[in-house]
Amino acid sequence: MKPLIAALCLALVPLAGAHAQSSRVDLSGIDPMQVIAGANDVLLRAPDADVDRLFKAVHAASRNDAEARGLCALFEPDADRSLVGLQRAANALGETSRMRFVEAVTAVAVNGLQGQPQAYDPAVGEQALKAATVTGMMLHDGFMLGLSSNGRDSASRDARCTSFRQLVDVLDGFSIGERVAATRYLLREGLDRYGSEL
């Protein structure tokens, strides 16, 4: 499950450098090491409402079949998760979703730079994800099979994408505190993995 979730995080964090007034996401001017250096602190200082807004942007895109396919492409074992790959995935989203992501990540970045450290316990985020996984297993046949699938055939890709969408939908029904804790946890995991791959 961690590679799947980390990919989602990687898709979101670098968008903070994009220009909100642009209809396309351009990450060419972003230094990946600078993103890594300050992003963990920013995530811990961003207000809960901004982190939840970012989650809601993911949830909204996941509910659209075409846009979900674009997000899910980042979860593939052979996905291009470089900044160029992330830019390509972001620009595959519809205009409304692109702007929703840019605005949400910009709010996290700006308010996280200016804010005070928020109360955060990684164990709460991890527990929320475990609870969402258990709920997903109870609600959806094939959920865990899809979530843990690593095949490269179209059936495996479809199963992974379906499970991702179901997981995000389950988390949307959780309390804001649980959603925010889970989102912070996922974003920090994504940053850690991103840094290890550079």
N, C-alpha and C. Protein backbone atom coordinates (compact mmCIF):
# COMPACT_ATOMS: atom_id res chain seq x y z
N MET A 1 0.82 -1.20 0.00
CA MET A 1 0.00 0.00 0.00
C MET A 1 0.87 1.26 0.00
N LYS A 2 2.04 1.23 0.65
CA LYS A 2 2.84 2.45 0.77
C LYS A 2 3.29 3.02 -0.58
N PRO A 3 3.78 2.19 -1.55
CA PRO A 3 4.15 2.77 -2.83
C PRO A 3 2.99 3.47 -3.52
N LEU A 4 1.80 2.89 -3.42
CA LEU A 4 0.61 3.48 -4.03
C LEU A 4 0.32 4.84 -3.41
N ILE A 5 0.36 4.90 -2.09
CA ILE A 5 0.04 6.13 -1.39
C ILE A 5 1.13 7.17 -1.59
N ALA A 6 2.39 6.73 -1.56
CA ALA A 6 3.49 7.67 -1.75
C ALA A 6 3.40 8.35 -3.10
N ALA A 7 2.99 7.61 -4.12
CA ALA A 7 2.87 8.20 -5.44
C ALA A 7 1.85 9.32 -5.45
N LEU A 8 0.77 9.13 -4.74
CA LEU A 8 -0.24 10.19 -4.65
C LEU A 8 0.36 11.44 -4.04
N CYS A 9 1.12 11.27 -2.99
CA CYS A 9 1.73 12.42 -2.32
C CYS A 9 2.68 13.15 -3.25
N LEU A 10 3.47 12.38 -3.99
CA LEU A 10 4.43 12.99 -4.90
C LEU A 10 3.74 13.82 -5.97
N ALA A 11 2.56 13.45 -6.31
CA ALA A 11 1.83 14.18 -7.34
C ALA A 11 1.37 15.53 -6.84
N LEU A 12 1.26 15.70 -5.55
CA LEU A 12 0.67 16.91 -5.00
C LEU A 12 1.68 17.95 -4.55
N VAL A 13 2.72 17.53 -3.85
CA VAL A 13 3.60 18.49 -3.19
C VAL A 13 4.25 19.49 -4.14
N PRO A 14 4.83 19.06 -5.28
CA PRO A 14 5.53 20.03 -6.12
C PRO A 14 4.63 21.07 -6.77
N LEU A 15 3.32 20.86 -6.79
CA LEU A 15 2.44 21.81 -7.44
C LEU A 15 2.46 23.18 -6.76
N ALA A 16 2.98 23.24 -5.53
CA ALA A 16 3.01 24.52 -4.81
C ALA A 16 3.82 25.55 -5.57
N GLY A 17 4.74 25.12 -6.41
CA GLY A 17 5.55 26.06 -7.16
C GLY A 17 4.88 26.53 -8.44
N ALA A 18 3.75 25.98 -8.78
CA ALA A 18 3.06 26.36 -10.01
C ALA A 18 2.38 27.71 -9.83
N HIS A 19 2.18 28.40 -10.92
CA HIS A 19 1.53 29.71 -10.88
C HIS A 19 0.03 29.53 -10.95
N ALA A 20 -0.69 30.02 -9.93
CA ALA A 20 -2.14 29.81 -9.84
C ALA A 20 -2.88 30.43 -11.02
N GLN A 21 -2.31 31.47 -11.61
CA GLN A 21 -3.03 32.12 -12.71
C GLN A 21 -2.90 31.36 -14.03
N SER A 22 -2.04 30.38 -14.09
CA SER A 22 -1.83 29.63 -15.31
C SER A 22 -2.80 28.47 -15.39
N SER A 23 -3.26 28.16 -16.61
CA SER A 23 -4.16 27.03 -16.77
C SER A 23 -3.38 25.73 -16.92
N ARG A 24 -2.07 25.82 -17.05
CA ARG A 24 -1.21 24.64 -17.14
C ARG A 24 -0.24 24.66 -15.97
N VAL A 25 0.16 23.47 -15.53
CA VAL A 25 1.12 23.37 -14.45
C VAL A 25 2.51 23.26 -15.06
N ASP A 26 3.43 24.12 -14.61
CA ASP A 26 4.80 24.10 -15.10
C ASP A 26 5.74 23.95 -13.92
N LEU A 27 6.37 22.79 -13.81
CA LEU A 27 7.26 22.51 -12.69
C LEU A 27 8.73 22.61 -13.08
N SER A 28 9.00 23.14 -14.28
CA SER A 28 10.37 23.13 -14.78
C SER A 28 11.32 23.99 -13.95
N GLY A 29 10.80 24.98 -13.24
CA GLY A 29 11.67 25.85 -12.46
C GLY A 29 11.87 25.40 -11.02
N ILE A 30 11.37 24.23 -10.67
CA ILE A 30 11.44 23.78 -9.29
C ILE A 30 12.65 22.89 -9.07
N ASP A 31 13.40 23.19 -8.03
CA ASP A 31 14.53 22.35 -7.62
C ASP A 31 13.99 21.30 -6.66
N PRO A 32 14.03 20.02 -7.03
CA PRO A 32 13.46 18.99 -6.16
C PRO A 32 14.04 18.99 -4.75
N MET A 33 15.32 19.27 -4.62
CA MET A 33 15.94 19.25 -3.29
C MET A 33 15.40 20.38 -2.41
N GLN A 34 15.06 21.51 -3.01
CA GLN A 34 14.47 22.60 -2.23
C GLN A 34 13.07 22.22 -1.76
N VAL A 35 12.33 21.50 -2.61
CA VAL A 35 11.01 21.04 -2.21
C VAL A 35 11.13 20.16 -0.97
N ILE A 36 12.08 19.22 -1.02
CA ILE A 36 12.27 18.29 0.09
C ILE A 36 12.69 19.02 1.36
N ALA A 37 13.62 19.96 1.21
CA ALA A 37 14.24 20.60 2.37
C ALA A 37 13.22 21.28 3.29
N GLY A 38 12.25 21.98 2.73
CA GLY A 38 11.34 22.73 3.58
C GLY A 38 9.93 22.19 3.66
N ALA A 39 9.61 21.20 2.85
CA ALA A 39 8.22 20.77 2.74
C ALA A 39 7.70 20.10 4.01
N ASN A 40 8.54 19.31 4.68
CA ASN A 40 8.06 18.65 5.90
C ASN A 40 7.65 19.67 6.95
N ASP A 41 8.45 20.71 7.12
CA ASP A 41 8.12 21.75 8.09
C ASP A 41 6.84 22.48 7.69
N VAL A 42 6.71 22.76 6.40
CA VAL A 42 5.51 23.44 5.89
C VAL A 42 4.27 22.58 6.17
N LEU A 43 4.38 21.28 5.93
CA LEU A 43 3.23 20.39 6.16
C LEU A 43 2.82 20.35 7.62
N LEU A 44 3.78 20.49 8.51
CA LEU A 44 3.48 20.46 9.94
C LEU A 44 2.93 21.79 10.45
N ARG A 45 3.09 22.85 9.66
CA ARG A 45 2.60 24.17 10.07
C ARG A 45 1.31 24.57 9.34
N ALA A 46 1.00 23.89 8.26
CA ALA A 46 -0.20 24.25 7.48
C ALA A 46 -1.45 24.01 8.33
N PRO A 47 -2.39 24.96 8.31
CA PRO A 47 -3.63 24.77 9.08
C PRO A 47 -4.41 23.55 8.59
N ASP A 48 -5.14 22.94 9.52
CA ASP A 48 -5.92 21.75 9.18
C ASP A 48 -6.86 21.99 8.00
N ALA A 49 -7.48 23.17 7.97
CA ALA A 49 -8.44 23.46 6.90
C ALA A 49 -7.77 23.42 5.53
N ASP A 50 -6.52 23.88 5.44
CA ASP A 50 -5.81 23.88 4.16
C ASP A 50 -5.42 22.46 3.75
N VAL A 51 -4.98 21.66 4.74
CA VAL A 51 -4.63 20.27 4.44
C VAL A 51 -5.88 19.51 3.98
N ASP A 52 -7.01 19.78 4.63
CA ASP A 52 -8.25 19.11 4.23
C ASP A 52 -8.70 19.56 2.85
N ARG A 53 -8.47 20.81 2.53
CA ARG A 53 -8.81 21.32 1.19
C ARG A 53 -8.01 20.56 0.13
N LEU A 54 -6.76 20.25 0.44
CA LEU A 54 -5.94 19.48 -0.48
C LEU A 54 -6.49 18.07 -0.64
N PHE A 55 -6.89 17.46 0.47
CA PHE A 55 -7.51 16.14 0.38
C PHE A 55 -8.77 16.21 -0.49
N LYS A 56 -9.58 17.22 -0.29
CA LYS A 56 -10.83 17.35 -1.05
C LYS A 56 -10.55 17.50 -2.54
N ALA A 57 -9.42 18.14 -2.89
CA ALA A 57 -9.05 18.26 -4.30
C ALA A 57 -8.75 16.89 -4.89
N VAL A 58 -8.05 16.05 -4.11
CA VAL A 58 -7.77 14.69 -4.56
C VAL A 58 -9.07 13.91 -4.70
N HIS A 59 -9.93 14.03 -3.70
CA HIS A 59 -11.19 13.30 -3.72
C HIS A 59 -12.04 13.69 -4.93
N ALA A 60 -12.13 14.98 -5.20
CA ALA A 60 -12.94 15.44 -6.33
C ALA A 60 -12.41 14.87 -7.65
N ALA A 61 -11.10 14.90 -7.83
CA ALA A 61 -10.52 14.37 -9.07
C ALA A 61 -10.73 12.86 -9.16
N SER A 62 -10.67 12.18 -8.03
CA SER A 62 -10.81 10.72 -8.04
C SER A 62 -12.22 10.29 -8.43
N ARG A 63 -13.19 11.16 -8.33
CA ARG A 63 -14.57 10.81 -8.64
C ARG A 63 -14.89 10.96 -10.13
N ASN A 64 -13.96 11.53 -10.87
CA ASN A 64 -14.13 11.69 -12.30
C ASN A 64 -13.33 10.58 -13.00
N ASP A 65 -14.00 9.78 -13.82
CA ASP A 65 -13.34 8.62 -14.43
C ASP A 65 -12.06 8.99 -15.17
N ALA A 66 -12.12 9.98 -16.02
CA ALA A 66 -10.96 10.37 -16.83
C ALA A 66 -9.84 10.92 -15.95
N GLU A 67 -10.19 11.77 -15.00
CA GLU A 67 -9.17 12.37 -14.14
C GLU A 67 -8.57 11.34 -13.20
N ALA A 68 -9.38 10.41 -12.74
CA ALA A 68 -8.86 9.36 -11.86
C ALA A 68 -7.82 8.53 -12.59
N ARG A 69 -8.04 8.27 -13.88
CA ARG A 69 -7.04 7.52 -14.65
C ARG A 69 -5.71 8.25 -14.68
N GLY A 70 -5.76 9.57 -14.78
CA GLY A 70 -4.53 10.36 -14.76
C GLY A 70 -3.81 10.26 -13.43
N LEU A 71 -4.56 10.35 -12.33
CA LEU A 71 -3.96 10.20 -11.01
C LEU A 71 -3.40 8.79 -10.82
N CYS A 72 -4.19 7.81 -11.24
CA CYS A 72 -3.79 6.41 -11.05
C CYS A 72 -2.53 6.06 -11.83
N ALA A 73 -2.29 6.75 -12.94
CA ALA A 73 -1.08 6.48 -13.72
C ALA A 73 0.17 6.68 -12.89
N LEU A 74 0.10 7.54 -11.88
CA LEU A 74 1.25 7.78 -11.01
C LEU A 74 1.50 6.64 -10.04
N PHE A 75 0.55 5.72 -9.91
CA PHE A 75 0.70 4.62 -8.96
C PHE A 75 1.26 3.37 -9.61
N GLU A 76 1.48 3.42 -10.91
CA GLU A 76 1.96 2.23 -11.60
C GLU A 76 3.41 1.91 -11.21
N PRO A 77 3.78 0.63 -11.19
CA PRO A 77 5.15 0.26 -10.82
C PRO A 77 6.21 0.95 -11.67
N ASP A 78 5.89 1.19 -12.94
CA ASP A 78 6.86 1.80 -13.85
C ASP A 78 6.55 3.28 -14.13
N ALA A 79 5.78 3.91 -13.26
CA ALA A 79 5.37 5.30 -13.49
C ALA A 79 6.56 6.26 -13.47
N ASP A 80 6.45 7.30 -14.27
CA ASP A 80 7.43 8.39 -14.27
C ASP A 80 6.99 9.38 -13.19
N ARG A 81 7.68 9.36 -12.04
CA ARG A 81 7.33 10.27 -10.96
C ARG A 81 8.34 11.40 -10.82
N SER A 82 9.09 11.65 -11.90
CA SER A 82 9.97 12.82 -11.93
C SER A 82 9.07 14.06 -12.00
N LEU A 83 9.67 15.24 -11.88
CA LEU A 83 8.87 16.46 -11.99
C LEU A 83 8.20 16.56 -13.35
N VAL A 84 8.87 16.07 -14.39
CA VAL A 84 8.26 16.08 -15.73
C VAL A 84 7.04 15.16 -15.74
N GLY A 85 7.17 13.99 -15.12
CA GLY A 85 6.04 13.07 -15.05
C GLY A 85 4.89 13.62 -14.25
N LEU A 86 5.20 14.30 -13.14
CA LEU A 86 4.16 14.91 -12.32
C LEU A 86 3.47 16.04 -13.07
N GLN A 87 4.26 16.82 -13.81
CA GLN A 87 3.68 17.90 -14.60
C GLN A 87 2.73 17.34 -15.65
N ARG A 88 3.15 16.26 -16.29
CA ARG A 88 2.31 15.63 -17.32
C ARG A 88 0.99 15.15 -16.71
N ALA A 89 1.07 14.53 -15.53
CA ALA A 89 -0.14 14.03 -14.87
C ALA A 89 -1.06 15.17 -14.46
N ALA A 90 -0.48 16.24 -13.92
CA ALA A 90 -1.29 17.38 -13.50
C ALA A 90 -2.00 18.02 -14.68
N ASN A 91 -1.30 18.13 -15.80
CA ASN A 91 -1.88 18.77 -16.97
C ASN A 91 -2.89 17.88 -17.69
N ALA A 92 -2.93 16.58 -17.31
CA ALA A 92 -3.95 15.69 -17.87
C ALA A 92 -5.28 15.86 -17.16
N LEU A 93 -5.28 16.55 -16.03
CA LEU A 93 -6.52 16.82 -15.33
C LEU A 93 -7.31 17.90 -16.06
N GLY A 94 -8.59 17.95 -15.81
CA GLY A 94 -9.40 19.02 -16.39
C GLY A 94 -9.02 20.36 -15.77
N GLU A 95 -9.40 21.39 -16.43
CA GLU A 95 -9.07 22.76 -15.99
C GLU A 95 -9.50 23.02 -14.55
N THR A 96 -10.71 22.66 -14.21
CA THR A 96 -11.22 22.91 -12.86
C THR A 96 -10.40 22.17 -11.82
N SER A 97 -10.10 20.91 -12.07
CA SER A 97 -9.31 20.13 -11.11
C SER A 97 -7.90 20.65 -10.99
N ARG A 98 -7.30 21.04 -12.13
CA ARG A 98 -5.94 21.60 -12.08
C ARG A 98 -5.90 22.83 -11.18
N MET A 99 -6.86 23.72 -11.38
CA MET A 99 -6.89 24.94 -10.58
C MET A 99 -7.19 24.62 -9.12
N ARG A 100 -8.04 23.65 -8.88
CA ARG A 100 -8.35 23.25 -7.50
C ARG A 100 -7.08 22.76 -6.80
N PHE A 101 -6.28 21.95 -7.50
CA PHE A 101 -5.02 21.46 -6.94
C PHE A 101 -4.04 22.60 -6.68
N VAL A 102 -3.87 23.44 -7.68
CA VAL A 102 -2.91 24.54 -7.54
C VAL A 102 -3.30 25.44 -6.38
N GLU A 103 -4.57 25.78 -6.29
CA GLU A 103 -5.02 26.66 -5.21
C GLU A 103 -4.87 26.00 -3.85
N ALA A 104 -5.20 24.70 -3.77
CA ALA A 104 -5.09 24.00 -2.49
C ALA A 104 -3.64 23.88 -2.04
N VAL A 105 -2.76 23.51 -2.96
CA VAL A 105 -1.35 23.34 -2.58
C VAL A 105 -0.72 24.69 -2.29
N THR A 106 -1.11 25.71 -3.02
CA THR A 106 -0.59 27.05 -2.74
C THR A 106 -1.00 27.49 -1.34
N ALA A 107 -2.23 27.22 -0.96
CA ALA A 107 -2.69 27.59 0.39
C ALA A 107 -1.89 26.84 1.45
N VAL A 108 -1.63 25.55 1.24
CA VAL A 108 -0.82 24.79 2.18
C VAL A 108 0.58 25.39 2.27
N ALA A 109 1.16 25.71 1.12
CA ALA A 109 2.53 26.24 1.10
C ALA A 109 2.62 27.61 1.78
N VAL A 110 1.74 28.52 1.38
CA VAL A 110 1.80 29.89 1.92
C VAL A 110 1.49 29.91 3.41
N ASN A 111 0.38 29.29 3.79
CA ASN A 111 -0.01 29.31 5.20
C ASN A 111 0.89 28.42 6.06
N GLY A 112 1.48 27.40 5.44
CA GLY A 112 2.44 26.57 6.17
C GLY A 112 3.73 27.29 6.44
N LEU A 113 4.13 28.17 5.55
CA LEU A 113 5.33 28.98 5.77
C LEU A 113 5.12 30.00 6.88
N GLN A 114 3.89 30.49 6.99
CA GLN A 114 3.60 31.56 7.95
C GLN A 114 3.03 31.05 9.27
N GLY A 115 2.56 29.81 9.30
CA GLY A 115 1.81 29.31 10.45
C GLY A 115 2.67 28.78 11.58
N GLN A 116 1.99 28.48 12.67
CA GLN A 116 2.61 27.85 13.83
C GLN A 116 2.49 26.34 13.69
N PRO A 117 3.39 25.60 14.32
CA PRO A 117 3.29 24.13 14.25
C PRO A 117 1.94 23.64 14.75
N GLN A 118 1.34 22.73 13.99
CA GLN A 118 0.05 22.16 14.34
C GLN A 118 0.26 20.88 15.16
N ALA A 119 -0.72 20.57 15.98
CA ALA A 119 -0.66 19.31 16.72
C ALA A 119 -0.74 18.17 15.71
N TYR A 120 0.22 17.28 15.74
CA TYR A 120 0.23 16.19 14.78
C TYR A 120 0.89 14.96 15.40
N ASP A 121 0.20 13.85 15.34
CA ASP A 121 0.72 12.58 15.81
C ASP A 121 0.68 11.61 14.64
N PRO A 122 1.84 11.21 14.10
CA PRO A 122 1.84 10.31 12.96
C PRO A 122 1.04 9.03 13.20
N ALA A 123 1.01 8.57 14.44
CA ALA A 123 0.28 7.34 14.75
C ALA A 123 -1.21 7.50 14.47
N VAL A 124 -1.74 8.71 14.67
CA VAL A 124 -3.16 8.96 14.40
C VAL A 124 -3.42 8.87 12.89
N GLY A 125 -2.52 9.44 12.10
CA GLY A 125 -2.66 9.34 10.64
C GLY A 125 -2.56 7.92 10.15
N GLU A 126 -1.60 7.18 10.69
CA GLU A 126 -1.44 5.78 10.29
C GLU A 126 -2.66 4.96 10.69
N GLN A 127 -3.18 5.23 11.88
CA GLN A 127 -4.36 4.50 12.34
C GLN A 127 -5.58 4.81 11.47
N ALA A 128 -5.72 6.08 11.05
CA ALA A 128 -6.84 6.44 10.18
C ALA A 128 -6.74 5.69 8.85
N LEU A 129 -5.53 5.55 8.32
CA LEU A 129 -5.34 4.82 7.07
C LEU A 129 -5.67 3.34 7.24
N LYS A 130 -5.26 2.77 8.38
CA LYS A 130 -5.58 1.37 8.64
C LYS A 130 -7.09 1.18 8.74
N ALA A 131 -7.75 2.10 9.44
CA ALA A 131 -9.20 2.01 9.58
C ALA A 131 -9.88 2.15 8.22
N ALA A 132 -9.37 3.06 7.38
CA ALA A 132 -9.94 3.23 6.03
C ALA A 132 -9.74 1.97 5.20
N THR A 133 -8.60 1.33 5.35
CA THR A 133 -8.33 0.09 4.62
C THR A 133 -9.28 -1.02 5.05
N VAL A 134 -9.48 -1.15 6.36
CA VAL A 134 -10.41 -2.16 6.86
C VAL A 134 -11.83 -1.89 6.36
N THR A 135 -12.23 -0.61 6.41
CA THR A 135 -13.56 -0.25 5.91
C THR A 135 -13.69 -0.55 4.42
N GLY A 136 -12.64 -0.21 3.67
CA GLY A 136 -12.65 -0.51 2.24
C GLY A 136 -12.80 -1.99 1.96
N MET A 137 -12.13 -2.81 2.77
CA MET A 137 -12.23 -4.28 2.61
C MET A 137 -13.65 -4.75 2.87
N MET A 138 -14.31 -4.15 3.86
CA MET A 138 -15.67 -4.58 4.19
C MET A 138 -16.68 -4.11 3.15
N LEU A 139 -16.43 -2.96 2.55
CA LEU A 139 -17.39 -2.39 1.61
C LEU A 139 -17.24 -2.88 0.18
N HIS A 140 -16.01 -3.23 -0.20
CA HIS A 140 -15.74 -3.48 -1.62
C HIS A 140 -15.03 -4.81 -1.85
N ASP A 141 -15.64 -5.66 -2.65
CA ASP A 141 -14.99 -6.91 -3.05
C ASP A 141 -13.74 -6.58 -3.85
N GLY A 142 -12.67 -7.30 -3.58
CA GLY A 142 -11.44 -7.13 -4.35
C GLY A 142 -10.62 -5.91 -3.96
N PHE A 143 -11.03 -5.21 -2.91
CA PHE A 143 -10.33 -3.97 -2.51
C PHE A 143 -8.85 -4.22 -2.21
N MET A 144 -8.56 -5.17 -1.31
CA MET A 144 -7.16 -5.43 -0.93
C MET A 144 -6.37 -6.02 -2.09
N LEU A 145 -7.03 -6.83 -2.88
CA LEU A 145 -6.35 -7.41 -4.04
C LEU A 145 -5.89 -6.30 -4.98
N GLY A 146 -6.76 -5.34 -5.21
CA GLY A 146 -6.40 -4.22 -6.07
C GLY A 146 -5.33 -3.34 -5.44
N LEU A 147 -5.46 -3.08 -4.15
CA LEU A 147 -4.52 -2.20 -3.46
C LEU A 147 -3.11 -2.78 -3.45
N SER A 148 -3.01 -4.10 -3.35
CA SER A 148 -1.70 -4.74 -3.27
C SER A 148 -1.21 -5.27 -4.62
N SER A 149 -2.00 -5.10 -5.66
CA SER A 149 -1.62 -5.61 -6.97
C SER A 149 -0.39 -4.87 -7.51
N ASN A 150 0.54 -5.63 -8.11
CA ASN A 150 1.70 -4.98 -8.72
C ASN A 150 1.90 -5.38 -10.17
N GLY A 151 0.91 -6.02 -10.77
CA GLY A 151 0.99 -6.40 -12.18
C GLY A 151 0.96 -5.18 -13.10
N ARG A 152 1.42 -5.39 -14.31
CA ARG A 152 1.46 -4.28 -15.28
C ARG A 152 0.43 -4.43 -16.39
N ASP A 153 -0.38 -5.46 -16.29
CA ASP A 153 -1.43 -5.67 -17.28
C ASP A 153 -2.60 -4.73 -16.98
N SER A 154 -3.50 -4.58 -17.95
CA SER A 154 -4.59 -3.62 -17.81
C SER A 154 -5.52 -3.97 -16.66
N ALA A 155 -5.75 -5.27 -16.39
CA ALA A 155 -6.62 -5.66 -15.30
C ALA A 155 -6.03 -5.23 -13.95
N SER A 156 -4.71 -5.40 -13.79
CA SER A 156 -4.06 -4.99 -12.54
C SER A 156 -4.11 -3.47 -12.38
N ARG A 157 -3.88 -2.76 -13.47
CA ARG A 157 -3.92 -1.30 -13.43
C ARG A 157 -5.32 -0.82 -13.03
N ASP A 158 -6.33 -1.42 -13.64
CA ASP A 158 -7.71 -1.05 -13.32
C ASP A 158 -8.04 -1.36 -11.86
N ALA A 159 -7.57 -2.50 -11.37
CA ALA A 159 -7.85 -2.89 -9.98
C ALA A 159 -7.19 -1.92 -9.01
N ARG A 160 -5.94 -1.52 -9.29
CA ARG A 160 -5.24 -0.56 -8.42
C ARG A 160 -5.99 0.76 -8.39
N CYS A 161 -6.40 1.21 -9.56
CA CYS A 161 -7.09 2.50 -9.66
C CYS A 161 -8.42 2.46 -8.92
N THR A 162 -9.15 1.38 -9.09
CA THR A 162 -10.43 1.24 -8.40
C THR A 162 -10.24 1.27 -6.89
N SER A 163 -9.24 0.55 -6.40
CA SER A 163 -8.99 0.51 -4.95
C SER A 163 -8.55 1.87 -4.43
N PHE A 164 -7.73 2.58 -5.19
CA PHE A 164 -7.33 3.94 -4.79
C PHE A 164 -8.56 4.82 -4.66
N ARG A 165 -9.43 4.78 -5.65
CA ARG A 165 -10.63 5.61 -5.61
C ARG A 165 -11.52 5.26 -4.42
N GLN A 166 -11.62 3.98 -4.16
CA GLN A 166 -12.42 3.53 -3.02
C GLN A 166 -11.81 3.97 -1.69
N LEU A 167 -10.48 3.89 -1.58
CA LEU A 167 -9.81 4.32 -0.36
C LEU A 167 -10.03 5.80 -0.09
N VAL A 168 -9.88 6.62 -1.12
CA VAL A 168 -10.08 8.06 -0.97
C VAL A 168 -11.53 8.35 -0.61
N ASP A 169 -12.45 7.61 -1.20
CA ASP A 169 -13.87 7.81 -0.90
C ASP A 169 -14.18 7.44 0.55
N VAL A 170 -13.58 6.37 1.04
CA VAL A 170 -13.77 5.98 2.44
C VAL A 170 -13.23 7.07 3.35
N LEU A 171 -12.03 7.55 3.08
CA LEU A 171 -11.43 8.61 3.92
C LEU A 171 -12.28 9.87 3.92
N ASP A 172 -12.96 10.14 2.83
CA ASP A 172 -13.81 11.32 2.77
C ASP A 172 -14.94 11.26 3.80
N GLY A 173 -15.34 10.07 4.20
CA GLY A 173 -16.39 9.92 5.19
C GLY A 173 -15.89 10.00 6.63
N PHE A 174 -14.59 10.10 6.83
CA PHE A 174 -14.02 10.19 8.16
C PHE A 174 -14.14 11.61 8.69
N SER A 175 -13.89 11.80 9.97
CA SER A 175 -13.90 13.15 10.55
C SER A 175 -12.77 13.96 9.95
N ILE A 176 -12.90 15.28 10.01
CA ILE A 176 -11.86 16.15 9.45
C ILE A 176 -10.52 15.90 10.15
N GLY A 177 -10.54 15.65 11.46
CA GLY A 177 -9.30 15.39 12.18
C GLY A 177 -8.59 14.15 11.66
N GLU A 178 -9.35 13.09 11.39
CA GLU A 178 -8.77 11.86 10.86
C GLU A 178 -8.27 12.06 9.43
N ARG A 179 -9.07 12.75 8.61
CA ARG A 179 -8.65 13.01 7.22
C ARG A 179 -7.36 13.82 7.19
N VAL A 180 -7.28 14.85 8.01
CA VAL A 180 -6.11 15.72 8.02
C VAL A 180 -4.88 14.94 8.51
N ALA A 181 -5.06 14.15 9.57
CA ALA A 181 -3.93 13.35 10.08
C ALA A 181 -3.45 12.37 9.01
N ALA A 182 -4.38 11.72 8.32
CA ALA A 182 -4.02 10.77 7.27
C ALA A 182 -3.33 11.48 6.11
N THR A 183 -3.83 12.65 5.74
CA THR A 183 -3.25 13.39 4.62
C THR A 183 -1.84 13.86 4.95
N ARG A 184 -1.63 14.39 6.15
CA ARG A 184 -0.28 14.79 6.56
C ARG A 184 0.66 13.58 6.53
N TYR A 185 0.17 12.46 7.05
CA TYR A 185 0.98 11.25 7.08
C TYR A 185 1.39 10.83 5.67
N LEU A 186 0.42 10.82 4.76
CA LEU A 186 0.69 10.40 3.38
C LEU A 186 1.65 11.35 2.69
N LEU A 187 1.46 12.63 2.88
CA LEU A 187 2.34 13.61 2.24
C LEU A 187 3.77 13.50 2.75
N ARG A 188 3.92 13.29 4.05
CA ARG A 188 5.27 13.15 4.61
C ARG A 188 5.92 11.86 4.12
N GLU A 189 5.15 10.79 4.02
CA GLU A 189 5.70 9.54 3.45
C GLU A 189 6.15 9.75 2.01
N GLY A 190 5.33 10.49 1.26
CA GLY A 190 5.68 10.76 -0.13
C GLY A 190 6.96 11.56 -0.24
N LEU A 191 7.12 12.56 0.62
CA LEU A 191 8.35 13.36 0.60
C LEU A 191 9.56 12.51 0.95
N ASP A 192 9.42 11.65 1.95
CA ASP A 192 10.54 10.79 2.34
C ASP A 192 10.96 9.89 1.19
N ARG A 193 9.97 9.32 0.51
CA ARG A 193 10.29 8.44 -0.62
C ARG A 193 10.88 9.25 -1.77
N TYR A 194 10.31 10.41 -2.03
CA TYR A 194 10.81 11.27 -3.11
C TYR A 194 12.28 11.59 -2.89
N GLY A 195 12.62 11.97 -1.64
CA GLY A 195 14.02 12.29 -1.34
C GLY A 195 14.94 11.11 -1.52
N SER A 196 14.48 9.92 -1.19
CA SER A 196 15.32 8.73 -1.31
C SER A 196 15.55 8.33 -2.76
N GLU A 197 14.67 8.78 -3.66
CA GLU A 197 14.80 8.41 -5.08
C GLU A 197 15.64 9.42 -5.86
N LEU A 198 15.96 10.57 -5.25
CA LEU A 198 16.75 11.58 -5.97
C LEU A 198 18.23 11.26 -5.90
